[in-house]
PDB file of N, CA and C in Angstrom:
ATOM      1  N   MET A   1      54.294 142.569  19.586  1.00  0.00           N
ATOM      2  CA  MET A   1      53.224 143.066  18.756  1.00  0.00           C
ATOM      3  C   MET A   1      53.083 144.586  18.909  1.00  0.00           C
ATOM      4  N   TYR A   2      53.051 145.076  20.123  1.00  0.00           N
ATOM      5  CA  TYR A   2      52.895 146.507  20.352  1.00  0.00           C
ATOM      6  C   TYR A   2      54.192 147.159  20.815  1.00  0.00           C
ATOM      7  N   ASN A   3      55.290 146.413  20.842  1.00  0.00           N
ATOM      8  CA  ASN A   3      56.541 146.950  21.366  1.00  0.00           C
ATOM      9  C   ASN A   3      57.065 148.109  20.535  1.00  0.00           C
ATOM     10  N   ASP A   4      56.724 148.163  19.251  1.00  0.00           N
ATOM     11  CA  ASP A   4      57.193 149.258  18.418  1.00  0.00           C
ATOM     12  C   ASP A   4      56.477 150.566  18.732  1.00  0.00           C
ATOM     13  N   ARG A   5      55.376 150.520  19.453  1.00  0.00           N
ATOM     14  CA  ARG A   5      54.614 151.720  19.801  1.00  0.00           C
ATOM     15  C   ARG A   5      55.006 152.283  21.164  1.00  0.00           C
ATOM     16  N   ILE A   6      55.736 151.530  21.963  1.00  0.00           N
ATOM     17  CA  ILE A   6      56.104 151.950  23.321  1.00  0.00           C
ATOM     18  C   ILE A   6      57.609 152.218  23.360  1.00  0.00           C
ATOM     19  N   ALA A   7      57.969 153.434  23.763  1.00  0.00           N
ATOM     20  CA  ALA A   7      59.379 153.821  23.759  1.00  0.00           C
ATOM     21  C   ALA A   7      60.119 153.400  25.023  1.00  0.00           C
ATOM     22  N   LEU A   8      59.429 153.385  26.153  1.00  0.00           N
ATOM     23  CA  LEU A   8      60.102 153.127  27.431  1.00  0.00           C
ATOM     24  C   LEU A   8      59.537 151.900  28.127  1.00  0.00           C
ATOM     25  N   SER A   9      60.439 151.170  28.761  1.00  0.00           N
ATOM     26  CA  SER A   9      59.991 150.064  29.609  1.00  0.00           C
ATOM     27  C   SER A   9      59.858 150.595  31.037  1.00  0.00           C
ATOM     28  N   SER A  10      59.169 149.836  31.855  1.00  0.00           N
ATOM     29  CA  SER A  10      59.019 150.277  33.246  1.00  0.00           C
ATOM     30  C   SER A  10      60.386 150.354  33.938  1.00  0.00           C
ATOM     31  N   GLN A  11      61.290 149.482  33.551  1.00  0.00           N
ATOM     32  CA  GLN A  11      62.638 149.494  34.137  1.00  0.00           C
ATOM     33  C   GLN A  11      63.386 150.764  33.738  1.00  0.00           C
ATOM     34  N   GLU A  12      63.232 151.189  32.486  1.00  0.00           N
ATOM     35  CA  GLU A  12      63.891 152.417  32.027  1.00  0.00           C
ATOM     36  C   GLU A  12      63.352 153.631  32.781  1.00  0.00           C
ATOM     37  N   ILE A  13      62.073 153.663  33.026  1.00  0.00           N
ATOM     38  CA  ILE A  13      61.485 154.777  33.787  1.00  0.00           C
ATOM     39  C   ILE A  13      62.024 154.776  35.208  1.00  0.00           C
ATOM     40  N   LEU A  14      62.086 153.587  35.794  1.00  0.00           N
ATOM     41  CA  LEU A  14      62.560 153.464  37.168  1.00  0.00           C
ATOM     42  C   LEU A  14      64.022 153.895  37.301  1.00  0.00           C
ATOM     43  N   GLU A  15      64.846 153.552  36.342  1.00  0.00           N
ATOM     44  CA  GLU A  15      66.282 153.810  36.430  1.00  0.00           C
ATOM     45  C   GLU A  15      66.707 155.158  35.839  1.00  0.00           C
ATOM     46  N   LYS A  16      65.771 155.927  35.334  1.00  0.00           N
ATOM     47  CA  LYS A  16      66.107 157.206  34.706  1.00  0.00           C
ATOM     48  C   LYS A  16      66.742 158.150  35.715  1.00  0.00           C
ATOM     49  N   GLU A  17      67.887 158.705  35.321  1.00  0.00           N
ATOM     50  CA  GLU A  17      68.578 159.700  36.142  1.00  0.00           C
ATOM     51  C   GLU A  17      68.757 160.964  35.317  1.00  0.00           C
ATOM     52  N   PHE A  18      68.432 162.095  35.911  1.00  0.00           N
ATOM     53  CA  PHE A  18      68.577 163.375  35.232  1.00  0.00           C
ATOM     54  C   PHE A  18      69.855 164.060  35.704  1.00  0.00           C
ATOM     55  N   LYS A  19      70.474 164.792  34.786  1.00  0.00           N
ATOM     56  CA  LYS A  19      71.663 165.561  35.158  1.00  0.00           C
ATOM     57  C   LYS A  19      71.226 166.773  35.976  1.00  0.00           C
ATOM     58  N   ILE A  20      72.040 167.095  36.956  1.00  0.00           N
ATOM     59  CA  ILE A  20      71.698 168.185  37.866  1.00  0.00           C
ATOM     60  C   ILE A  20      72.432 169.449  37.433  1.00  0.00           C
ATOM     61  N   ASP A  21      71.679 170.514  37.321  1.00  0.00           N
ATOM     62  CA  ASP A  21      72.219 171.838  37.015  1.00  0.00           C
ATOM     63  C   ASP A  21      72.496 172.561  38.326  1.00  0.00           C
ATOM     64  N   ALA A  22      72.901 173.775  38.211  1.00  0.00           N
ATOM     65  CA  ALA A  22      73.143 174.594  39.399  1.00  0.00           C
ATOM     66  C   ALA A  22      71.842 174.809  40.160  1.00  0.00           C
ATOM     67  N   ARG A  23      70.727 174.855  39.436  1.00  0.00           N
ATOM     68  CA  ARG A  23      69.442 175.088  40.083  1.00  0.00           C
ATOM     69  C   ARG A  23      68.629 173.799  40.234  1.00  0.00           C
ATOM     70  N   GLY A  24      69.183 172.662  39.904  1.00  0.00           N
ATOM     71  CA  GLY A  24      68.452 171.396  40.012  1.00  0.00           C
ATOM     72  C   GLY A  24      68.499 170.629  38.693  1.00  0.00           C
ATOM     73  N   TYR A  25      67.497 169.847  38.460  1.00  0.00           N
ATOM     74  CA  TYR A  25      67.442 169.068  37.219  1.00  0.00           C
ATOM     75  C   TYR A  25      67.228 169.987  36.034  1.00  0.00           C
ATOM     76  N   ARG A  26      67.713 169.560  34.881  1.00  0.00           N
ATOM     77  CA  ARG A  26      67.501 170.330  33.658  1.00  0.00           C
ATOM     78  C   ARG A  26      66.041 170.176  33.229  1.00  0.00           C
ATOM     79  N   LEU A  27      65.329 171.270  33.219  1.00  0.00           N
ATOM     80  CA  LEU A  27      63.901 171.241  32.932  1.00  0.00           C
ATOM     81  C   LEU A  27      63.604 170.677  31.545  1.00  0.00           C
ATOM     82  N   GLN A  28      64.398 171.030  30.560  1.00  0.00           N
ATOM     83  CA  GLN A  28      64.149 170.540  29.206  1.00  0.00           C
ATOM     84  C   GLN A  28      64.278 169.012  29.141  1.00  0.00           C
ATOM     85  N   GLU A  29      65.277 168.480  29.847  1.00  0.00           N
ATOM     86  CA  GLU A  29      65.495 167.024  29.850  1.00  0.00           C
ATOM     87  C   GLU A  29      64.330 166.312  30.541  1.00  0.00           C
ATOM     88  N   VAL A  30      63.878 166.853  31.661  1.00  0.00           N
ATOM     89  CA  VAL A  30      62.755 166.275  32.393  1.00  0.00           C
ATOM     90  C   VAL A  30      61.484 166.360  31.546  1.00  0.00           C
ATOM     91  N   ASP A  31      61.234 167.516  30.930  1.00  0.00           N
ATOM     92  CA  ASP A  31      60.055 167.686  30.099  1.00  0.00           C
ATOM     93  C   ASP A  31      60.057 166.718  28.919  1.00  0.00           C
ATOM     94  N   LYS A  32      61.202 166.547  28.304  1.00  0.00           N
ATOM     95  CA  LYS A  32      61.323 165.632  27.170  1.00  0.00           C
ATOM     96  C   LYS A  32      61.009 164.196  27.610  1.00  0.00           C
ATOM     97  N   PHE A  33      61.550 163.826  28.738  1.00  0.00           N
ATOM     98  CA  PHE A  33      61.311 162.478  29.265  1.00  0.00           C
ATOM     99  C   PHE A  33      59.838 162.286  29.607  1.00  0.00           C
ATOM    100  N   LEU A  34      59.240 163.270  30.260  1.00  0.00           N
ATOM    101  CA  LEU A  34      57.824 163.176  30.631  1.00  0.00           C
ATOM    102  C   LEU A  34      56.927 163.134  29.397  1.00  0.00           C
ATOM    103  N   ASP A  35      57.319 163.820  28.326  1.00  0.00           N
ATOM    104  CA  ASP A  35      56.563 163.745  27.071  1.00  0.00           C
ATOM    105  C   ASP A  35      56.539 162.310  26.538  1.00  0.00           C
ATOM    106  N   ILE A  36      57.668 161.642  26.640  1.00  0.00           N
ATOM    107  CA  ILE A  36      57.746 160.239  26.191  1.00  0.00           C
ATOM    108  C   ILE A  36      56.869 159.362  27.068  1.00  0.00           C
ATOM    109  N   VAL A  37      56.903 159.581  28.386  1.00  0.00           N
ATOM    110  CA  VAL A  37      56.083 158.811  29.317  1.00  0.00           C
ATOM    111  C   VAL A  37      54.604 159.030  29.022  1.00  0.00           C
ATOM    112  N   ILE A  38      54.213 160.274  28.797  1.00  0.00           N
ATOM    113  CA  ILE A  38      52.815 160.588  28.487  1.00  0.00           C
ATOM    114  C   ILE A  38      52.399 159.911  27.192  1.00  0.00           C
ATOM    115  N   HIS A  39      53.264 159.962  26.200  1.00  0.00           N
ATOM    116  CA  HIS A  39      52.969 159.297  24.923  1.00  0.00           C
ATOM    117  C   HIS A  39      52.757 157.801  25.134  1.00  0.00           C
ATOM    118  N   ASP A  40      53.622 157.206  25.936  1.00  0.00           N
ATOM    119  CA  ASP A  40      53.490 155.771  26.211  1.00  0.00           C
ATOM    120  C   ASP A  40      52.182 155.448  26.918  1.00  0.00           C
ATOM    121  N   TYR A  41      51.808 156.260  27.877  1.00  0.00           N
ATOM    122  CA  TYR A  41      50.542 156.033  28.575  1.00  0.00           C
ATOM    123  C   TYR A  41      49.367 156.132  27.611  1.00  0.00           C
ATOM    124  N   ASN A  42      49.427 157.123  26.715  1.00  0.00           N
ATOM    125  CA  ASN A  42      48.371 157.246  25.708  1.00  0.00           C
ATOM    126  C   ASN A  42      48.332 156.022  24.800  1.00  0.00           C
ATOM    127  N   GLU A  43      49.492 155.533  24.418  1.00  0.00           N
ATOM    128  CA  GLU A  43      49.562 154.327  23.585  1.00  0.00           C
ATOM    129  C   GLU A  43      48.998 153.112  24.327  1.00  0.00           C
ATOM    130  N   TYR A  44      49.350 152.969  25.597  1.00  0.00           N
ATOM    131  CA  TYR A  44      48.812 151.868  26.395  1.00  0.00           C
ATOM    132  C   TYR A  44      47.289 151.947  26.471  1.00  0.00           C
ATOM    133  N   ASN A  45      46.776 153.138  26.727  1.00  0.00           N
ATOM    134  CA  ASN A  45      45.323 153.306  26.785  1.00  0.00           C
ATOM    135  C   ASN A  45      44.682 152.955  25.449  1.00  0.00           C
ATOM    136  N   SER A  46      45.297 153.383  24.368  1.00  0.00           N
ATOM    137  CA  SER A  46      44.791 153.069  23.034  1.00  0.00           C
ATOM    138  C   SER A  46      44.808 151.561  22.790  1.00  0.00           C
ATOM    139  N   MET A  47      45.896 150.920  23.175  1.00  0.00           N
ATOM    140  CA  MET A  47      46.011 149.466  23.002  1.00  0.00           C
ATOM    141  C   MET A  47      44.963 148.732  23.824  1.00  0.00           C
ATOM    142  N   ILE A  48      44.732 149.190  25.039  1.00  0.00           N
ATOM    143  CA  ILE A  48      43.742 148.558  25.913  1.00  0.00           C
ATOM    144  C   ILE A  48      42.354 148.673  25.290  1.00  0.00           C
ATOM    145  N   LYS A  49      42.029 149.845  24.744  1.00  0.00           N
ATOM    146  CA  LYS A  49      40.720 150.028  24.097  1.00  0.00           C
ATOM    147  C   LYS A  49      40.588 149.116  22.881  1.00  0.00           C
ATOM    148  N   GLU A  50      41.650 149.046  22.054  1.00  0.00           N
ATOM    149  CA  GLU A  50      41.636 148.177  20.871  1.00  0.00           C
ATOM    150  C   GLU A  50      41.427 146.721  21.272  1.00  0.00           C
ATOM    151  N   LEU A  51      42.157 146.293  22.281  1.00  0.00           N
ATOM    152  CA  LEU A  51      42.055 144.901  22.723  1.00  0.00           C
ATOM    153  C   LEU A  51      40.691 144.605  23.342  1.00  0.00           C
ATOM    154  N   ALA A  52      40.122 145.581  24.032  1.00  0.00           N
ATOM    155  CA  ALA A  52      38.785 145.388  24.610  1.00  0.00           C
ATOM    156  C   ALA A  52      37.752 145.219  23.495  1.00  0.00           C
ATOM    157  N   ILE A  53      37.870 146.021  22.442  1.00  0.00           N
ATOM    158  CA  ILE A  53      36.951 145.898  21.308  1.00  0.00           C
ATOM    159  C   ILE A  53      37.111 144.542  20.643  1.00  0.00           C
ATOM    160  N   LYS A  54      38.363 144.135  20.391  1.00  0.00           N
ATOM    161  CA  LYS A  54      38.618 142.823  19.777  1.00  0.00           C
ATOM    162  C   LYS A  54      38.100 141.701  20.667  1.00  0.00           C
ATOM    163  N   ASN A  55      38.288 141.856  21.966  1.00  0.00           N
ATOM    164  CA  ASN A  55      37.827 140.847  22.914  1.00  0.00           C
ATOM    165  C   ASN A  55      36.309 140.705  22.849  1.00  0.00           C
ATOM    166  N   ASN A  56      35.608 141.823  22.804  1.00  0.00           N
ATOM    167  CA  ASN A  56      34.147 141.784  22.699  1.00  0.00           C
ATOM    168  C   ASN A  56      33.699 141.146  21.392  1.00  0.00           C
ATOM    169  N   GLU A  57      34.376 141.502  20.297  1.00  0.00           N
ATOM    170  CA  GLU A  57      34.037 140.913  18.998  1.00  0.00           C
ATOM    171  C   GLU A  57      34.240 139.404  19.019  1.00  0.00           C
ATOM    172  N   LEU A  58      35.349 138.979  19.587  1.00  0.00           N
ATOM    173  CA  LEU A  58      35.640 137.540  19.657  1.00  0.00           C
ATOM    174  C   LEU A  58      34.656 136.820  20.570  1.00  0.00           C
ATOM    175  N   ALA A  59      34.262 137.463  21.655  1.00  0.00           N
ATOM    176  CA  ALA A  59      33.284 136.856  22.558  1.00  0.00           C
ATOM    177  C   ALA A  59      31.945 136.683  21.844  1.00  0.00           C
ATOM    178  N   GLU A  60      31.530 137.701  21.075  1.00  0.00           N
ATOM    179  CA  GLU A  60      30.279 137.597  20.320  1.00  0.00           C
ATOM    180  C   GLU A  60      30.359 136.497  19.275  1.00  0.00           C
ATOM    181  N   GLU A  61      31.487 136.454  18.561  1.00  0.00           N
ATOM    182  CA  GLU A  61      31.680 135.410  17.549  1.00  0.00           C
ATOM    183  C   GLU A  61      31.685 134.024  18.194  1.00  0.00           C
ATOM    184  N   ASN A  62      32.304 133.919  19.342  1.00  0.00           N
ATOM    185  CA  ASN A  62      32.358 132.659  20.067  1.00  0.00           C
ATOM    186  C   ASN A  62      30.951 132.200  20.448  1.00  0.00           C
ATOM    187  N   GLU A  63      30.124 133.116  20.941  1.00  0.00           N
ATOM    188  CA  GLU A  63      28.748 132.769  21.309  1.00  0.00           C
ATOM    189  C   GLU A  63      27.950 132.327  20.088  1.00  0.00           C
ATOM    190  N   LYS A  64      28.136 133.024  18.961  1.00  0.00           N
ATOM    191  CA  LYS A  64      27.446 132.637  17.730  1.00  0.00           C
ATOM    192  C   LYS A  64      27.866 131.238  17.296  1.00  0.00           C
ATOM    193  N   LEU A  65      29.161 130.967  17.364  1.00  0.00           N
ATOM    194  CA  LEU A  65      29.661 129.645  16.966  1.00  0.00           C
ATOM    195  C   LEU A  65      29.155 128.553  17.900  1.00  0.00           C
ATOM    196  N   LYS A  66      29.113 128.847  19.198  1.00  0.00           N
ATOM    197  CA  LYS A  66      28.583 127.870  20.153  1.00  0.00           C
ATOM    198  C   LYS A  66      27.120 127.571  19.856  1.00  0.00           C
ATOM    199  N   SER A  67      26.366 128.622  19.550  1.00  0.00           N
ATOM    200  CA  SER A  67      24.954 128.449  19.219  1.00  0.00           C
ATOM    201  C   SER A  67      24.808 127.619  17.945  1.00  0.00           C
ATOM    202  N   GLU A  68      25.638 127.897  16.971  1.00  0.00           N
ATOM    203  CA  GLU A  68      25.594 127.136  15.715  1.00  0.00           C
ATOM    204  C   GLU A  68      25.941 125.669  15.953  1.00  0.00           C
ATOM    205  N   ILE A  69      26.926 125.419  16.800  1.00  0.00           N
ATOM    206  CA  ILE A  69      27.305 124.038  17.126  1.00  0.00           C
ATOM    207  C   ILE A  69      26.151 123.323  17.811  1.00  0.00           C
ATOM    208  N   ARG A  70      25.490 124.002  18.761  1.00  0.00           N
ATOM    209  CA  ARG A  70      24.334 123.401  19.433  1.00  0.00           C
ATOM    210  C   ARG A  70      23.246 123.046  18.429  1.00  0.00           C
ATOM    211  N   ASN A  71      22.971 123.980  17.495  1.00  0.00           N
ATOM    212  CA  ASN A  71      21.957 123.720  16.478  1.00  0.00           C
ATOM    213  C   ASN A  71      22.346 122.544  15.580  1.00  0.00           C
ATOM    214  N   LEU A  72      23.601 122.507  15.183  1.00  0.00           N
ATOM    215  CA  LEU A  72      24.066 121.417  14.323  1.00  0.00           C
ATOM    216  C   LEU A  72      23.998 120.074  15.049  1.00  0.00           C
ATOM    217  N   LYS A  73      24.391 120.067  16.323  1.00  0.00           N
ATOM    218  CA  LYS A  73      24.307 118.827  17.101  1.00  0.00           C
ATOM    219  C   LYS A  73      22.858 118.381  17.241  1.00  0.00           C
ATOM    220  N   SER A  74      21.973 119.334  17.472  1.00  0.00           N
ATOM    221  CA  SER A  74      20.554 119.011  17.587  1.00  0.00           C
ATOM    222  C   SER A  74      20.036 118.427  16.279  1.00  0.00           C
ATOM    223  N   ASN A  75      20.403 119.053  15.166  1.00  0.00           N
ATOM    224  CA  ASN A  75      19.989 118.540  13.852  1.00  0.00           C
ATOM    225  C   ASN A  75      20.574 117.159  13.595  1.00  0.00           C
ATOM    226  N   LEU A  76      21.820 116.959  13.981  1.00  0.00           N
ATOM    227  CA  LEU A  76      22.467 115.660  13.787  1.00  0.00           C
ATOM    228  C   LEU A  76      21.784 114.587  14.621  1.00  0.00           C
ATOM    229  N   ASP A  77      21.461 114.919  15.870  1.00  0.00           N
ATOM    230  CA  ASP A  77      20.750 113.966  16.727  1.00  0.00           C
ATOM    231  C   ASP A  77      19.384 113.621  16.139  1.00  0.00           C
ATOM    232  N   ALA A  78      18.702 114.625  15.592  1.00  0.00           N
ATOM    233  CA  ALA A  78      17.396 114.378  14.973  1.00  0.00           C
ATOM    234  C   ALA A  78      17.542 113.468  13.765  1.00  0.00           C
ATOM    235  N   LEU A  79      18.586 113.690  12.986  1.00  0.00           N
ATOM    236  CA  LEU A  79      18.822 112.824  11.819  1.00  0.00           C
ATOM    237  C   LEU A  79      19.159 111.400  12.232  1.00  0.00           C
ATOM    238  N   LYS A  80      19.982 111.275  13.257  1.00  0.00           N
ATOM    239  CA  LYS A  80      20.325 109.933  13.744  1.00  0.00           C
ATOM    240  C   LYS A  80      19.081 109.209  14.238  1.00  0.00           C
ATOM    241  N   TYR A  81      18.229 109.913  14.949  1.00  0.00           N
ATOM    242  CA  TYR A  81      16.995 109.316  15.456  1.00  0.00           C
ATOM    243  C   TYR A  81      16.099 108.919  14.290  1.00  0.00           C
ATOM    244  N   ALA A  82      16.017 109.788  13.288  1.00  0.00           N
ATOM    245  CA  ALA A  82      15.195 109.493  12.109  1.00  0.00           C
ATOM    246  C   ALA A  82      15.730 108.274  11.375  1.00  0.00           C
ATOM    247  N   GLU A  83      17.054 108.151  11.269  1.00  0.00           N
ATOM    248  CA  GLU A  83      17.649 106.986  10.607  1.00  0.00           C
ATOM    249  C   GLU A  83      17.315 105.713  11.363  1.00  0.00           C
ATOM    250  N   LYS A  84      17.413 105.764  12.680  1.00  0.00           N
ATOM    251  CA  LYS A  84      17.100 104.576  13.479  1.00  0.00           C
ATOM    252  C   LYS A  84      15.634 104.207  13.306  1.00  0.00           C
ATOM    253  N   GLU A  85      14.776 105.199  13.274  1.00  0.00           N
ATOM    254  CA  GLU A  85      13.349 104.952  13.132  1.00  0.00           C
ATOM    255  C   GLU A  85      13.073 104.308  11.781  1.00  0.00           C
ATOM    256  N   VAL A  86      13.678 104.813  10.734  1.00  0.00           N
ATOM    257  CA  VAL A  86      13.503 104.246   9.392  1.00  0.00           C
ATOM    258  C   VAL A  86      14.047 102.830   9.369  1.00  0.00           C
ATOM    259  N   THR A  87      15.167 102.611   9.986  1.00  0.00           N
ATOM    260  CA  THR A  87      15.764 101.288  10.032  1.00  0.00           C
ATOM    261  C   THR A  87      14.848 100.319  10.769  1.00  0.00           C
ATOM    262  N   ASN A  88      14.248 100.743  11.854  1.00  0.00           N
ATOM    263  CA  ASN A  88      13.321  99.884  12.595  1.00  0.00           C
ATOM    264  C   ASN A  88      12.088  99.557  11.752  1.00  0.00           C
ATOM    265  N   VAL A  89      11.586 100.530  11.063  1.00  0.00           N
ATOM    266  CA  VAL A  89      10.429 100.298  10.191  1.00  0.00           C
ATOM    267  C   VAL A  89      10.800  99.301   9.091  1.00  0.00           C
ATOM    268  N   ASP A  90      11.978  99.477   8.532  1.00  0.00           N
ATOM    269  CA  ASP A  90      12.434  98.534   7.507  1.00  0.00           C
ATOM    270  C   ASP A  90      12.528  97.119   8.070  1.00  0.00           C
ATOM    271  N   LEU A  91      13.039  96.998   9.277  1.00  0.00           N
ATOM    272  CA  LEU A  91      13.158  95.669   9.891  1.00  0.00           C
ATOM    273  C   LEU A  91      11.785  95.040  10.119  1.00  0.00           C
ATOM    274  N   ILE A  92      10.848  95.835  10.565  1.00  0.00           N
ATOM    275  CA  ILE A  92       9.489  95.319  10.788  1.00  0.00           C
ATOM    276  C   ILE A  92       8.877  94.861   9.469  1.00  0.00           C
ATOM    277  N   ARG A  93       9.078  95.629   8.421  1.00  0.00           N
ATOM    278  CA  ARG A  93       8.574  95.228   7.102  1.00  0.00           C
ATOM    279  C   ARG A  93       9.207  93.917   6.648  1.00  0.00           C
ATOM    280  N   ARG A  94      10.492  93.799   6.830  1.00  0.00           N
ATOM    281  CA  ARG A  94      11.187  92.567   6.423  1.00  0.00           C
ATOM    282  C   ARG A  94      10.672  91.362   7.199  1.00  0.00           C
ATOM    283  N   VAL A  95      10.509  91.542   8.508  1.00  0.00           N
ATOM    284  CA  VAL A  95       9.992  90.445   9.336  1.00  0.00           C
ATOM    285  C   VAL A  95       8.584  90.075   8.871  1.00  0.00           C
ATOM    286  N   SER A  96       7.786  91.070   8.593  1.00  0.00           N
ATOM    287  CA  SER A  96       6.422  90.823   8.133  1.00  0.00           C
ATOM    288  C   SER A  96       6.430  90.060   6.820  1.00  0.00           C
ATOM    289  N   GLN A  97       7.307  90.447   5.897  1.00  0.00           N
ATOM    290  CA  GLN A  97       7.399  89.747   4.617  1.00  0.00           C
ATOM    291  C   GLN A  97       7.867  88.308   4.813  1.00  0.00           C
ATOM    292  N   LEU A  98       8.832  88.109   5.709  1.00  0.00           N
ATOM    293  CA  LEU A  98       9.317  86.756   5.982  1.00  0.00           C
ATOM    294  C   LEU A  98       8.209  85.895   6.598  1.00  0.00           C
ATOM    295  N   GLU A  99       7.438  86.487   7.496  1.00  0.00           N
ATOM    296  CA  GLU A  99       6.323  85.743   8.086  1.00  0.00           C
ATOM    297  C   GLU A  99       5.321  85.336   7.019  1.00  0.00           C
ATOM    298  N   LYS A 100       5.029  86.215   6.097  1.00  0.00           N
ATOM    299  CA  LYS A 100       4.101  85.892   5.011  1.00  0.00           C
ATOM    300  C   LYS A 100       4.641  84.748   4.164  1.00  0.00           C
ATOM    301  N   ILE A 101       5.941  84.815   3.889  1.00  0.00           N
ATOM    302  CA  ILE A 101       6.538  83.739   3.076  1.00  0.00           C
ATOM    303  C   ILE A 101       6.492  82.416   3.801  1.00  0.00           C
ATOM    304  N   ILE A 102       6.892  82.419   5.078  1.00  0.00           N
ATOM    305  CA  ILE A 102       6.931  81.185   5.875  1.00  0.00           C
ATOM    306  C   ILE A 102       5.518  80.669   6.104  1.00  0.00           C
ATOM    307  N   LEU A 103       4.626  81.504   6.540  1.00  0.00           N
ATOM    308  CA  LEU A 103       3.247  81.082   6.795  1.00  0.00           C
ATOM    309  C   LEU A 103       2.522  80.719   5.497  1.00  0.00           C
ATOM    310  N   GLY A 104       2.863  81.410   4.460  1.00  0.00           N
ATOM    311  CA  GLY A 104       2.256  81.103   3.158  1.00  0.00           C
ATOM    312  C   GLY A 104       2.664  79.739   2.690  1.00  0.00           C
ATOM    313  N   LYS A 105       3.918  79.332   2.926  1.00  0.00           N
ATOM    314  CA  LYS A 105       4.408  77.995   2.510  1.00  0.00           C
ATOM    315  C   LYS A 105       3.789  76.921   3.367  1.00  0.00           C
ATOM    316  N   GLU A 106       3.581  77.221   4.645  1.00  0.00           N
ATOM    317  CA  GLU A 106       2.996  76.222   5.533  1.00  0.00           C
ATOM    318  C   GLU A 106       1.540  75.973   5.176  1.00  0.00           C
ATOM    319  N   ASN A 107       0.851  76.989   4.737  1.00  0.00           N
ATOM    320  CA  ASN A 107      -0.568  76.851   4.367  1.00  0.00           C
ATOM    321  C   ASN A 107      -0.711  76.042   3.088  1.00  0.00           C
ATOM    322  N   ASN A 108       0.270  76.009   2.212  1.00  0.00           N
ATOM    323  CA  ASN A 108       0.183  75.248   0.959  1.00  0.00           C
ATOM    324  C   ASN A 108       0.345  73.829   1.180  1.00  0.00           C
TER     325      ASN A 108
END
């Protein structure tokens, strides 16, 4: 995902060898290499900041979704309880009607 933004791997940095001049390493070659390393560090820092922001956004969204799920479950439980209550009331009414029919026939 971010590999196109990073020029050097840690292994490449570790294995880097500079050519030696009469006075030591070639300064231009070292400077060029260090510029690439600095660029990579800046890219890593940028990526870390981007990912931290995305992580925070996702954490907030996750909390909102969890809260919504809790609310929906609570509403569903309330509906289930209401259905059972209505069903019980219906059963009591039916029993009452049956008692009236049975007792009414016995009285005749």
